[in-house]
Amino acid sequence: MRRLVRALATGAVAGAVLATTAGCSGSAGAASPTPAPSAKRTRTLEPAALAGLHDLLPVTSLLFTPQLPSARAQRKVAIACMAEHGYRYAPTPPASDAGAGGGADGGTNRGTGGAAAEERPQPFGLESSAPPRTAAQAPSEKPPRPGSPESTDAYARALFGRESARVSTKGLRLSVSRPGEGCLAEAEKRLLGDGRMRWLQVRIMLFEAQQQARADVEKDPAFRAATTHWRACMDRAKVKAQDPVAVLNSLRSADDRKTSPAASADLRCKAETGYLTTAYQRLAAAQQHWLDRHPAVGADWKKLSDRQNKAAGEVLGTKAG
């Protein structure tokens, strides 16, 4: 939950585009043809093809948009703010890979589900037999040395503000709070101004939309048909499983991904039936349907993203992109 709070609370988004790839618009309930099984399909999709399927998801793509400039700008503002209070503040820099982001507190911004430096969610179980990738982690910050200025209550108050001053916002199910004063709050305000809490709320809503769309796609006729074809293939392989997520949940180790007959059959049947292509297309439609029903979320995301990009450019001395 702490990672989720950081992911929702910090970061900037560059160039948010709500339009989804062709063939992924419309309501979540609209049916689309399920690819027919083909013995010529490879056992698993190539990484580029999988990345293309991941990119179909409009809500997930927003949550995982690279956010590094904002992270750097917030860090710079927070360091300067603490120096004005007479303290040396040295948070670890945000990870520098393309999917990285982070807040002025040095925490990596992971987008939600997120976080952007981590592998995106794989909502339909296994996609390859390779072990799960680990996120690129920034070096851990050392705890303050006992007796040092950084270990004092005054230092914490300058950085985080008073506990009673924290501010919070919530979505339908999730509530997140942030410092209401102190240098971390000042850094976020420098990037977002009076839109700070709306930005946090929008991220919460998108995170919840991602979950809701995954639940909604279970009712989609084309997705249900794809699952039926997948299950029939698994039956022919003499493996009983309700759906691919159940297969994933049955695996207890990374080795199981390579050696389990259920995992092998799952990947083979996904390839033979085109399951992942249909599943991602229909999930993309469900996510786009949510965005269409909540246009203010997309509009505010774009407006606040542009605002952060401009402010980050000013702080870092670069052009806003």
C-alpha atoms as a PDB file:
ATOM      1  CA  MET A   1       0.000   0.000   0.000  1.00  0.00           C
ATOM      2  CA  ARG A   2       2.895   2.403   0.705  1.00  0.00           C
ATOM      3  CA  ARG A   3       4.100   1.940  -2.876  1.00  0.00           C
ATOM      4  CA  LEU A   4       0.607   2.592  -4.165  1.00  0.00           C
ATOM      5  CA  VAL A   5       0.323   5.776  -2.124  1.00  0.00           C
ATOM      6  CA  ARG A   6       3.599   7.041  -3.552  1.00  0.00           C
ATOM      7  CA  ALA A   7       2.580   6.106  -7.068  1.00  0.00           C
ATOM      8  CA  LEU A   8      -0.707   7.924  -6.776  1.00  0.00           C
ATOM      9  CA  ALA A   9       0.718  10.929  -5.020  1.00  0.00           C
ATOM     10  CA  THR A  10       3.706  11.939  -7.092  1.00  0.00           C
ATOM     11  CA  GLY A  11       4.934  12.481 -10.596  1.00  0.00           C
ATOM     12  CA  ALA A  12       4.115  14.231 -13.851  1.00  0.00           C
ATOM     13  CA  VAL A  13       2.825  12.863 -17.105  1.00  0.00           C
ATOM     14  CA  ALA A  14       4.005  13.912 -20.524  1.00  0.00           C
ATOM     15  CA  GLY A  15       1.686  14.012 -23.504  1.00  0.00           C
ATOM     16  CA  ALA A  16      -1.275  12.054 -22.184  1.00  0.00           C
ATOM     17  CA  VAL A  17      -3.337  10.801 -25.109  1.00  0.00           C
ATOM     18  CA  LEU A  18      -6.716   9.283 -24.433  1.00  0.00           C
ATOM     19  CA  ALA A  19      -7.411   8.003 -27.908  1.00  0.00           C
ATOM     20  CA  THR A  20      -6.908   4.257 -28.011  1.00  0.00           C
ATOM     21  CA  THR A  21      -5.623   2.155 -30.857  1.00  0.00           C
ATOM     22  CA  ALA A  22      -8.051   1.462 -33.681  1.00  0.00           C
ATOM     23  CA  GLY A  23     -10.380  -1.378 -32.887  1.00  0.00           C
ATOM     24  CA  CYS A  24     -10.370  -0.679 -29.142  1.00  0.00           C
ATOM     25  CA  SER A  25     -13.048   1.987 -28.910  1.00  0.00           C
ATOM     26  CA  GLY A  26     -16.675   1.497 -28.081  1.00  0.00           C
ATOM     27  CA  SER A  27     -18.455  -0.006 -25.115  1.00  0.00           C
ATOM     28  CA  ALA A  28     -17.061  -2.839 -23.083  1.00  0.00           C
ATOM     29  CA  GLY A  29     -19.986  -5.036 -24.015  1.00  0.00           C
ATOM     30  CA  ALA A  30     -19.546  -4.778 -27.778  1.00  0.00           C
ATOM     31  CA  ALA A  31     -18.465  -8.078 -29.273  1.00  0.00           C
ATOM     32  CA  SER A  32     -15.570  -8.483 -31.659  1.00  0.00           C
ATOM     33  CA  PRO A  33     -14.552 -11.612 -33.534  1.00  0.00           C
ATOM     34  CA  THR A  34     -12.422 -14.050 -31.589  1.00  0.00           C
ATOM     35  CA  PRO A  35      -9.364 -15.155 -33.582  1.00  0.00           C
ATOM     36  CA  ALA A  36      -9.735 -18.716 -34.776  1.00  0.00           C
ATOM     37  CA  PRO A  37      -7.247 -21.265 -33.465  1.00  0.00           C
ATOM     38  CA  SER A  38      -4.214 -21.716 -35.676  1.00  0.00           C
ATOM     39  CA  ALA A  39      -1.521 -24.333 -35.358  1.00  0.00           C
ATOM     40  CA  LYS A  40       0.861 -21.982 -37.158  1.00  0.00           C
ATOM     41  CA  ARG A  41       0.937 -19.493 -34.316  1.00  0.00           C
ATOM     42  CA  THR A  42       4.124 -19.450 -32.268  1.00  0.00           C
ATOM     43  CA  ARG A  43       3.959 -20.770 -28.752  1.00  0.00           C
ATOM     44  CA  THR A  44       4.238 -17.313 -27.225  1.00  0.00           C
ATOM     45  CA  LEU A  45       4.024 -13.810 -28.575  1.00  0.00           C
ATOM     46  CA  GLU A  46       7.229 -11.964 -29.298  1.00  0.00           C
ATOM     47  CA  PRO A  47       8.153  -9.231 -26.775  1.00  0.00           C
ATOM     48  CA  ALA A  48       7.344  -6.510 -29.300  1.00  0.00           C
ATOM     49  CA  ALA A  49       3.922  -7.992 -29.921  1.00  0.00           C
ATOM     50  CA  LEU A  50       3.262  -8.226 -26.180  1.00  0.00           C
ATOM     51  CA  ALA A  51       4.355  -4.620 -25.740  1.00  0.00           C
ATOM     52  CA  GLY A  52       1.931  -3.654 -28.476  1.00  0.00           C
ATOM     53  CA  LEU A  53      -0.909  -5.366 -26.617  1.00  0.00           C
ATOM     54  CA  HIS A  54       0.052  -3.621 -23.371  1.00  0.00           C
ATOM     55  CA  ASP A  55       0.015  -0.281 -25.171  1.00  0.00           C
ATOM     56  CA  LEU A  56      -3.593  -0.833 -26.252  1.00  0.00           C
ATOM     57  CA  LEU A  57      -4.810  -0.084 -22.721  1.00  0.00           C
ATOM     58  CA  PRO A  58      -5.598   3.656 -22.493  1.00  0.00           C
ATOM     59  CA  VAL A  59      -6.029   3.895 -18.718  1.00  0.00           C
ATOM     60  CA  THR A  60      -3.003   1.747 -17.916  1.00  0.00           C
ATOM     61  CA  SER A  61      -0.917   3.690 -20.423  1.00  0.00           C
ATOM     62  CA  LEU A  62      -1.728   6.935 -18.623  1.00  0.00           C
ATOM     63  CA  LEU A  63      -0.751   5.511 -15.259  1.00  0.00           C
ATOM     64  CA  PHE A  64       2.537   4.194 -16.674  1.00  0.00           C
ATOM     65  CA  THR A  65       3.556   7.261 -18.666  1.00  0.00           C
ATOM     66  CA  PRO A  66       7.208   8.161 -17.929  1.00  0.00           C
ATOM     67  CA  GLN A  67       7.381  10.858 -15.251  1.00  0.00           C
ATOM     68  CA  LEU A  68      11.082  11.509 -14.753  1.00  0.00           C
ATOM     69  CA  PRO A  69      11.219  15.308 -15.395  1.00  0.00           C
ATOM     70  CA  SER A  70       8.652  16.006 -12.688  1.00  0.00           C
ATOM     71  CA  ALA A  71      10.479  13.704 -10.272  1.00  0.00           C
ATOM     72  CA  ARG A  72      13.740  15.543 -10.874  1.00  0.00           C
ATOM     73  CA  ALA A  73      12.077  18.940 -10.544  1.00  0.00           C
ATOM     74  CA  GLN A  74      10.337  18.066  -7.284  1.00  0.00           C
ATOM     75  CA  ARG A  75      13.584  16.699  -5.884  1.00  0.00           C
ATOM     76  CA  LYS A  76      15.429  19.911  -6.804  1.00  0.00           C
ATOM     77  CA  VAL A  77      12.777  22.130  -5.216  1.00  0.00           C
ATOM     78  CA  ALA A  78      12.682  20.055  -2.025  1.00  0.00           C
ATOM     79  CA  ILE A  79      16.475  20.145  -1.653  1.00  0.00           C
ATOM     80  CA  ALA A  80      16.502  23.930  -2.038  1.00  0.00           C
ATOM     81  CA  CYS A  81      13.610  24.312   0.391  1.00  0.00           C
ATOM     82  CA  MET A  82      15.377  22.261   3.072  1.00  0.00           C
ATOM     83  CA  ALA A  83      18.570  24.267   2.543  1.00  0.00           C
ATOM     84  CA  GLU A  84      16.585  27.410   3.352  1.00  0.00           C
ATOM     85  CA  HIS A  85      15.683  25.781   6.659  1.00  0.00           C
ATOM     86  CA  GLY A  86      19.359  25.079   7.291  1.00  0.00           C
ATOM     87  CA  TYR A  87      19.271  21.356   6.517  1.00  0.00           C
ATOM     88  CA  ARG A  88      21.070  19.213   3.999  1.00  0.00           C
ATOM     89  CA  TYR A  89      18.514  17.041   2.245  1.00  0.00           C
ATOM     90  CA  ALA A  90      19.933  14.405  -0.098  1.00  0.00           C
ATOM     91  CA  PRO A  91      17.227  12.027  -1.342  1.00  0.00           C
ATOM     92  CA  THR A  92      18.275   9.316  -3.757  1.00  0.00           C
ATOM     93  CA  PRO A  93      17.778  10.386  -7.376  1.00  0.00           C
ATOM     94  CA  PRO A  94      14.869   8.797  -9.213  1.00  0.00           C
ATOM     95  CA  ALA A  95      15.738   5.803 -11.357  1.00  0.00           C
ATOM     96  CA  SER A  96      16.905   6.947 -14.771  1.00  0.00           C
ATOM     97  CA  ASP A  97      15.337   4.253 -16.921  1.00  0.00           C
ATOM     98  CA  ALA A  98      12.652   5.288 -19.407  1.00  0.00           C
ATOM     99  CA  GLY A  99       9.779   4.215 -17.202  1.00  0.00           C
ATOM    100  CA  ALA A 100      10.984   5.858 -14.056  1.00  0.00           C
ATOM    101  CA  GLY A 101       9.414   8.558 -12.029  1.00  0.00           C
ATOM    102  CA  GLY A 102       9.500   9.692  -8.487  1.00  0.00           C
ATOM    103  CA  GLY A 103       8.591  12.206  -5.873  1.00  0.00           C
ATOM    104  CA  ALA A 104      10.593  14.759  -4.025  1.00  0.00           C
ATOM    105  CA  ASP A 105      10.815  12.348  -1.126  1.00  0.00           C
ATOM    106  CA  GLY A 106      13.014  10.108  -3.246  1.00  0.00           C
ATOM    107  CA  GLY A 107      10.365   7.399  -3.565  1.00  0.00           C
ATOM    108  CA  THR A 108      10.049   5.779  -6.946  1.00  0.00           C
ATOM    109  CA  ASN A 109       6.790   6.629  -8.691  1.00  0.00           C
ATOM    110  CA  ARG A 110       5.378   3.302  -9.792  1.00  0.00           C
ATOM    111  CA  GLY A 111       2.132   4.283 -11.389  1.00  0.00           C
ATOM    112  CA  THR A 112      -0.281   1.782  -9.652  1.00  0.00           C
ATOM    113  CA  GLY A 113      -0.566  -0.573 -10.357  1.00  0.00           C
ATOM    114  CA  GLY A 114       1.689   1.285 -10.736  1.00  0.00           C
ATOM    115  CA  ALA A 115       4.713   2.145 -10.951  1.00  0.00           C
ATOM    116  CA  ALA A 116       6.194   3.102 -13.965  1.00  0.00           C
ATOM    117  CA  ALA A 117       9.634   1.567 -13.529  1.00  0.00           C
ATOM    118  CA  GLU A 118       8.113  -1.794 -12.803  1.00  0.00           C
ATOM    119  CA  GLU A 119       6.663  -4.204 -15.287  1.00  0.00           C
ATOM    120  CA  ARG A 120       3.144  -3.286 -16.271  1.00  0.00           C
ATOM    121  CA  PRO A 121       0.302  -5.390 -14.889  1.00  0.00           C
ATOM    122  CA  GLN A 122      -0.361  -8.638 -16.725  1.00  0.00           C
ATOM    123  CA  PRO A 123      -4.074  -9.063 -16.009  1.00  0.00           C
ATOM    124  CA  PHE A 124      -4.506 -12.317 -17.937  1.00  0.00           C
ATOM    125  CA  GLY A 125      -1.946 -14.519 -16.278  1.00  0.00           C
ATOM    126  CA  LEU A 126       1.255 -15.815 -17.849  1.00  0.00           C
ATOM    127  CA  GLU A 127       2.542 -14.223 -21.027  1.00  0.00           C
ATOM    128  CA  SER A 128       5.817 -16.134 -21.251  1.00  0.00           C
ATOM    129  CA  SER A 129       7.733 -18.801 -19.378  1.00  0.00           C
ATOM    130  CA  ALA A 130      10.419 -16.307 -18.372  1.00  0.00           C
ATOM    131  CA  PRO A 131      10.626 -15.439 -14.659  1.00  0.00           C
ATOM    132  CA  PRO A 132       8.957 -12.184 -13.633  1.00  0.00           C
ATOM    133  CA  ARG A 133      11.119  -9.148 -14.227  1.00  0.00           C
ATOM    134  CA  THR A 134      12.198  -7.175 -11.216  1.00  0.00           C
ATOM    135  CA  ALA A 135      11.861  -3.432 -11.065  1.00  0.00           C
ATOM    136  CA  ALA A 136      14.864  -1.179 -11.397  1.00  0.00           C
ATOM    137  CA  GLN A 137      15.308   0.104  -7.889  1.00  0.00           C
ATOM    138  CA  ALA A 138      17.013   3.303  -6.865  1.00  0.00           C
ATOM    139  CA  PRO A 139      19.614   2.837  -4.100  1.00  0.00           C
ATOM    140  CA  SER A 140      18.041   2.684  -0.675  1.00  0.00           C
ATOM    141  CA  GLU A 141      18.422   5.769   1.467  1.00  0.00           C
ATOM    142  CA  LYS A 142      20.442   5.300   4.610  1.00  0.00           C
ATOM    143  CA  PRO A 143      18.606   5.987   7.859  1.00  0.00           C
ATOM    144  CA  PRO A 144      19.700   9.200   9.574  1.00  0.00           C
ATOM    145  CA  ARG A 145      22.653   8.860  11.895  1.00  0.00           C
ATOM    146  CA  PRO A 146      21.576   9.081  15.562  1.00  0.00           C
ATOM    147  CA  GLY A 147      22.226  12.559  16.874  1.00  0.00           C
ATOM    148  CA  SER A 148      22.528  14.068  13.393  1.00  0.00           C
ATOM    149  CA  PRO A 149      20.319  17.016  12.301  1.00  0.00           C
ATOM    150  CA  GLU A 150      18.438  14.634  10.000  1.00  0.00           C
ATOM    151  CA  SER A 151      17.330  12.550  13.001  1.00  0.00           C
ATOM    152  CA  THR A 152      15.574  15.424  14.789  1.00  0.00           C
ATOM    153  CA  ASP A 153      11.899  16.235  14.971  1.00  0.00           C
ATOM    154  CA  ALA A 154      12.656  19.694  13.598  1.00  0.00           C
ATOM    155  CA  TYR A 155      14.138  18.165  10.455  1.00  0.00           C
ATOM    156  CA  ALA A 156      11.102  15.908   9.970  1.00  0.00           C
ATOM    157  CA  ARG A 157       8.755  18.842  10.521  1.00  0.00           C
ATOM    158  CA  ALA A 158      10.600  20.920   7.931  1.00  0.00           C
ATOM    159  CA  LEU A 159      10.368  18.095   5.419  1.00  0.00           C
ATOM    160  CA  PHE A 160       6.920  16.649   6.115  1.00  0.00           C
ATOM    161  CA  GLY A 161       5.131  19.383   8.043  1.00  0.00           C
ATOM    162  CA  ARG A 162       2.824  18.702  10.940  1.00  0.00           C
ATOM    163  CA  GLU A 163       0.897  15.462  10.983  1.00  0.00           C
ATOM    164  CA  SER A 164      -2.271  17.421  11.752  1.00  0.00           C
ATOM    165  CA  ALA A 165      -1.786  19.433   8.546  1.00  0.00           C
ATOM    166  CA  ARG A 166      -1.873  16.449   6.178  1.00  0.00           C
ATOM    167  CA  VAL A 167      -4.408  16.621   3.373  1.00  0.00           C
ATOM    168  CA  SER A 168      -6.277  13.710   1.840  1.00  0.00           C
ATOM    169  CA  THR A 169      -8.481  12.809  -1.077  1.00  0.00           C
ATOM    170  CA  LYS A 170     -10.295   9.650  -2.056  1.00  0.00           C
ATOM    171  CA  GLY A 171     -11.923   7.743  -4.845  1.00  0.00           C
ATOM    172  CA  LEU A 172     -14.713   5.211  -4.551  1.00  0.00           C
ATOM    173  CA  ARG A 173     -12.701   2.785  -2.429  1.00  0.00           C
ATOM    174  CA  LEU A 174      -9.241   4.231  -1.885  1.00  0.00           C
ATOM    175  CA  SER A 175      -8.158   7.165   0.262  1.00  0.00           C
ATOM    176  CA  VAL A 176      -4.665   8.685   0.131  1.00  0.00           C
ATOM    177  CA  SER A 177      -3.097  11.466   2.193  1.00  0.00           C
ATOM    178  CA  ARG A 178      -0.112  13.726   1.574  1.00  0.00           C
ATOM    179  CA  PRO A 179       1.836  16.324   3.579  1.00  0.00           C
ATOM    180  CA  GLY A 180      -0.076  19.590   3.730  1.00  0.00           C
ATOM    181  CA  GLU A 181       2.973  21.647   4.586  1.00  0.00           C
ATOM    182  CA  GLY A 182       6.738  21.264   4.655  1.00  0.00           C
ATOM    183  CA  CYS A 183       9.222  21.009   1.821  1.00  0.00           C
ATOM    184  CA  LEU A 184       7.702  17.948   0.181  1.00  0.00           C
ATOM    185  CA  ALA A 185       4.384  19.745  -0.046  1.00  0.00           C
ATOM    186  CA  GLU A 186       6.118  22.851  -1.379  1.00  0.00           C
ATOM    187  CA  ALA A 187       7.795  20.800  -4.086  1.00  0.00           C
ATOM    188  CA  GLU A 188       4.496  19.322  -5.223  1.00  0.00           C
ATOM    189  CA  LYS A 189       2.831  22.729  -5.144  1.00  0.00           C
ATOM    190  CA  ARG A 190       5.623  24.140  -7.299  1.00  0.00           C
ATOM    191  CA  LEU A 191       4.713  21.641  -9.990  1.00  0.00           C
ATOM    192  CA  LEU A 192       0.928  21.613  -9.594  1.00  0.00           C
ATOM    193  CA  GLY A 193      -0.161  24.691  -7.676  1.00  0.00           C
ATOM    194  CA  ASP A 194      -3.800  24.518  -6.669  1.00  0.00           C
ATOM    195  CA  GLY A 195      -4.254  21.420  -8.857  1.00  0.00           C
ATOM    196  CA  ARG A 196      -2.236  19.232  -6.517  1.00  0.00           C
ATOM    197  CA  MET A 197      -5.122  17.422  -4.855  1.00  0.00           C
ATOM    198  CA  ARG A 198      -7.056  17.084  -8.108  1.00  0.00           C
ATOM    199  CA  TRP A 199      -4.028  15.397  -9.635  1.00  0.00           C
ATOM    200  CA  LEU A 200      -3.933  12.911  -6.792  1.00  0.00           C
ATOM    201  CA  GLN A 201      -7.656  12.298  -7.095  1.00  0.00           C
ATOM    202  CA  VAL A 202      -7.405  11.736 -10.839  1.00  0.00           C
ATOM    203  CA  ARG A 203      -4.675   9.148 -10.300  1.00  0.00           C
ATOM    204  CA  ILE A 204      -6.814   7.366  -7.726  1.00  0.00           C
ATOM    205  CA  MET A 205      -9.761   7.329 -10.121  1.00  0.00           C
ATOM    206  CA  LEU A 206      -7.632   5.928 -12.943  1.00  0.00           C
ATOM    207  CA  PHE A 207      -6.245   3.232 -10.662  1.00  0.00           C
ATOM    208  CA  GLU A 208      -9.773   2.246  -9.675  1.00  0.00           C
ATOM    209  CA  ALA A 209     -10.880   2.426 -13.321  1.00  0.00           C
ATOM    210  CA  GLN A 210      -8.173  -0.068 -14.209  1.00  0.00           C
ATOM    211  CA  GLN A 211      -9.569  -2.480 -11.639  1.00  0.00           C
ATOM    212  CA  GLN A 212     -13.175  -1.879 -12.675  1.00  0.00           C
ATOM    213  CA  ALA A 213     -12.449  -2.440 -16.358  1.00  0.00           C
ATOM    214  CA  ARG A 214     -10.792  -5.765 -15.585  1.00  0.00           C
ATOM    215  CA  ALA A 215     -13.923  -6.843 -13.727  1.00  0.00           C
ATOM    216  CA  ASP A 216     -16.194  -5.567 -16.515  1.00  0.00           C
ATOM    217  CA  VAL A 217     -14.365  -7.450 -19.246  1.00  0.00           C
ATOM    218  CA  GLU A 218     -15.447 -10.722 -17.649  1.00  0.00           C
ATOM    219  CA  LYS A 219     -18.932  -9.936 -18.966  1.00  0.00           C
ATOM    220  CA  ASP A 220     -17.767  -9.182 -22.516  1.00  0.00           C
ATOM    221  CA  PRO A 221     -19.091 -11.767 -25.027  1.00  0.00           C
ATOM    222  CA  ALA A 222     -15.912 -11.890 -27.125  1.00  0.00           C
ATOM    223  CA  PHE A 223     -13.725 -12.268 -24.048  1.00  0.00           C
ATOM    224  CA  ARG A 224     -15.970 -15.007 -22.660  1.00  0.00           C
ATOM    225  CA  ALA A 225     -15.777 -16.810 -26.008  1.00  0.00           C
ATOM    226  CA  ALA A 226     -11.984 -16.544 -25.977  1.00  0.00           C
ATOM    227  CA  THR A 227     -11.891 -18.047 -22.495  1.00  0.00           C
ATOM    228  CA  THR A 228     -14.157 -20.878 -23.654  1.00  0.00           C
ATOM    229  CA  HIS A 229     -11.805 -21.652 -26.577  1.00  0.00           C
ATOM    230  CA  TRP A 230      -8.817 -21.506 -24.229  1.00  0.00           C
ATOM    231  CA  ARG A 231     -10.509 -23.858 -21.746  1.00  0.00           C
ATOM    232  CA  ALA A 232     -11.353 -26.365 -24.503  1.00  0.00           C
ATOM    233  CA  CYS A 233      -7.704 -26.342 -25.554  1.00  0.00           C
ATOM    234  CA  MET A 234      -6.658 -26.939 -21.946  1.00  0.00           C
ATOM    235  CA  ASP A 235      -9.109 -29.837 -21.720  1.00  0.00           C
ATOM    236  CA  ARG A 236      -7.488 -31.411 -24.775  1.00  0.00           C
ATOM    237  CA  ALA A 237      -4.165 -31.050 -22.978  1.00  0.00           C
ATOM    238  CA  LYS A 238      -5.778 -32.821 -19.997  1.00  0.00           C
ATOM    239  CA  VAL A 239      -5.294 -29.802 -17.716  1.00  0.00           C
ATOM    240  CA  LYS A 240      -8.300 -28.586 -15.790  1.00  0.00           C
ATOM    241  CA  ALA A 241      -8.360 -24.844 -15.134  1.00  0.00           C
ATOM    242  CA  GLN A 242     -11.097 -22.249 -14.927  1.00  0.00           C
ATOM    243  CA  ASP A 243      -9.107 -19.451 -16.551  1.00  0.00           C
ATOM    244  CA  PRO A 244      -5.492 -18.267 -17.068  1.00  0.00           C
ATOM    245  CA  VAL A 245      -5.445 -16.304 -13.810  1.00  0.00           C
ATOM    246  CA  ALA A 246      -6.213 -19.517 -11.920  1.00  0.00           C
ATOM    247  CA  VAL A 247      -3.247 -21.154 -13.643  1.00  0.00           C
ATOM    248  CA  LEU A 248      -0.961 -18.320 -12.583  1.00  0.00           C
ATOM    249  CA  ASN A 249      -2.218 -18.496  -9.005  1.00  0.00           C
ATOM    250  CA  SER A 250      -1.427 -22.224  -8.912  1.00  0.00           C
ATOM    251  CA  LEU A 251       2.269 -21.636  -9.597  1.00  0.00           C
ATOM    252  CA  ARG A 252       4.420 -21.425  -6.479  1.00  0.00           C
ATOM    253  CA  SER A 253       7.812 -20.494  -7.892  1.00  0.00           C
ATOM    254  CA  ALA A 254       9.614 -19.083 -10.894  1.00  0.00           C
ATOM    255  CA  ASP A 255      10.672 -22.631 -11.790  1.00  0.00           C
ATOM    256  CA  ASP A 256       7.020 -23.628 -12.047  1.00  0.00           C
ATOM    257  CA  ARG A 257       6.662 -21.210 -14.950  1.00  0.00           C
ATOM    258  CA  LYS A 258       9.145 -23.356 -16.880  1.00  0.00           C
ATOM    259  CA  THR A 259       8.355 -26.837 -15.612  1.00  0.00           C
ATOM    260  CA  SER A 260       4.661 -26.930 -14.729  1.00  0.00           C
ATOM    261  CA  PRO A 261       2.522 -28.807 -17.282  1.00  0.00           C
ATOM    262  CA  ALA A 262      -0.297 -26.356 -16.531  1.00  0.00           C
ATOM    263  CA  ALA A 263       1.903 -23.364 -17.348  1.00  0.00           C
ATOM    264  CA  SER A 264       3.135 -24.965 -20.555  1.00  0.00           C
ATOM    265  CA  ALA A 265      -0.408 -25.831 -21.635  1.00  0.00           C
ATOM    266  CA  ASP A 266      -1.639 -22.341 -20.710  1.00  0.00           C
ATOM    267  CA  LEU A 267       0.938 -20.611 -22.923  1.00  0.00           C
ATOM    268  CA  ARG A 268       0.392 -23.044 -25.778  1.00  0.00           C
ATOM    269  CA  CYS A 269      -3.379 -22.628 -25.647  1.00  0.00           C
ATOM    270  CA  LYS A 270      -3.117 -18.853 -25.481  1.00  0.00           C
ATOM    271  CA  ALA A 271      -1.033 -18.930 -28.648  1.00  0.00           C
ATOM    272  CA  GLU A 272      -3.254 -21.408 -30.456  1.00  0.00           C
ATOM    273  CA  THR A 273      -6.485 -19.552 -29.677  1.00  0.00           C
ATOM    274  CA  GLY A 274      -5.218 -15.964 -29.883  1.00  0.00           C
ATOM    275  CA  TYR A 275      -6.438 -15.506 -26.328  1.00  0.00           C
ATOM    276  CA  LEU A 276      -4.181 -12.633 -25.298  1.00  0.00           C
ATOM    277  CA  THR A 277      -4.957 -10.605 -28.419  1.00  0.00           C
ATOM    278  CA  THR A 278      -8.686 -10.825 -27.802  1.00  0.00           C
ATOM    279  CA  ALA A 279      -8.322 -10.290 -24.057  1.00  0.00           C
ATOM    280  CA  TYR A 280      -6.264  -7.125 -24.410  1.00  0.00           C
ATOM    281  CA  GLN A 281      -8.481  -5.734 -27.162  1.00  0.00           C
ATOM    282  CA  ARG A 282     -11.586  -6.192 -25.063  1.00  0.00           C
ATOM    283  CA  LEU A 283      -9.925  -4.816 -21.919  1.00  0.00           C
ATOM    284  CA  ALA A 284      -8.829  -1.795 -23.948  1.00  0.00           C
ATOM    285  CA  ALA A 285     -12.432  -1.293 -25.001  1.00  0.00           C
ATOM    286  CA  ALA A 286     -13.573  -1.521 -21.384  1.00  0.00           C
ATOM    287  CA  GLN A 287     -10.986   1.034 -20.281  1.00  0.00           C
ATOM    288  CA  GLN A 288     -11.877   3.383 -23.118  1.00  0.00           C
ATOM    289  CA  HIS A 289     -15.551   3.009 -22.236  1.00  0.00           C
ATOM    290  CA  TRP A 290     -14.741   4.194 -18.713  1.00  0.00           C
ATOM    291  CA  LEU A 291     -12.815   7.189 -20.051  1.00  0.00           C
ATOM    292  CA  ASP A 292     -15.704   8.057 -22.363  1.00  0.00           C
ATOM    293  CA  ARG A 293     -18.072   8.055 -19.385  1.00  0.00           C
ATOM    294  CA  HIS A 294     -15.706  10.233 -17.319  1.00  0.00           C
ATOM    295  CA  PRO A 295     -14.428  12.871 -19.753  1.00  0.00           C
ATOM    296  CA  ALA A 296     -13.460  15.291 -16.968  1.00  0.00           C
ATOM    297  CA  VAL A 297     -10.846  12.827 -15.732  1.00  0.00           C
ATOM    298  CA  GLY A 298      -9.083  12.715 -19.073  1.00  0.00           C
ATOM    299  CA  ALA A 299      -9.356  16.470 -19.550  1.00  0.00           C
ATOM    300  CA  ASP A 300      -7.951  17.229 -16.110  1.00  0.00           C
ATOM    301  CA  TRP A 301      -5.183  14.685 -16.581  1.00  0.00           C
ATOM    302  CA  LYS A 302      -4.086  16.415 -19.784  1.00  0.00           C
ATOM    303  CA  LYS A 303      -4.350  19.904 -18.279  1.00  0.00           C
ATOM    304  CA  LEU A 304      -2.437  19.035 -15.123  1.00  0.00           C
ATOM    305  CA  SER A 305       0.154  17.052 -17.068  1.00  0.00           C
ATOM    306  CA  ASP A 306       0.842  20.059 -19.286  1.00  0.00           C
ATOM    307  CA  ARG A 307       1.065  22.257 -16.207  1.00  0.00           C
ATOM    308  CA  GLN A 308       3.626  19.957 -14.610  1.00  0.00           C
ATOM    309  CA  ASN A 309       5.667  19.682 -17.777  1.00  0.00           C
ATOM    310  CA  LYS A 310       5.889  23.452 -18.043  1.00  0.00           C
ATOM    311  CA  ALA A 311       6.786  23.905 -14.369  1.00  0.00           C
ATOM    312  CA  ALA A 312       9.359  21.102 -14.507  1.00  0.00           C
ATOM    313  CA  GLY A 313      10.974  22.735 -17.508  1.00  0.00           C
ATOM    314  CA  GLU A 314      11.218  26.012 -15.623  1.00  0.00           C
ATOM    315  CA  VAL A 315      12.720  24.373 -12.547  1.00  0.00           C
ATOM    316  CA  LEU A 316      15.214  22.308 -14.516  1.00  0.00           C
ATOM    317  CA  GLY A 317      16.014  25.023 -17.035  1.00  0.00           C
ATOM    318  CA  THR A 318      14.775  22.986 -19.964  1.00  0.00           C
ATOM    319  CA  LYS A 319      12.018  23.457 -22.488  1.00  0.00           C
ATOM    320  CA  ALA A 320       8.644  21.986 -21.569  1.00  0.00           C
ATOM    321  CA  GLY A 321       7.938  18.978 -23.754  1.00  0.00           C
END
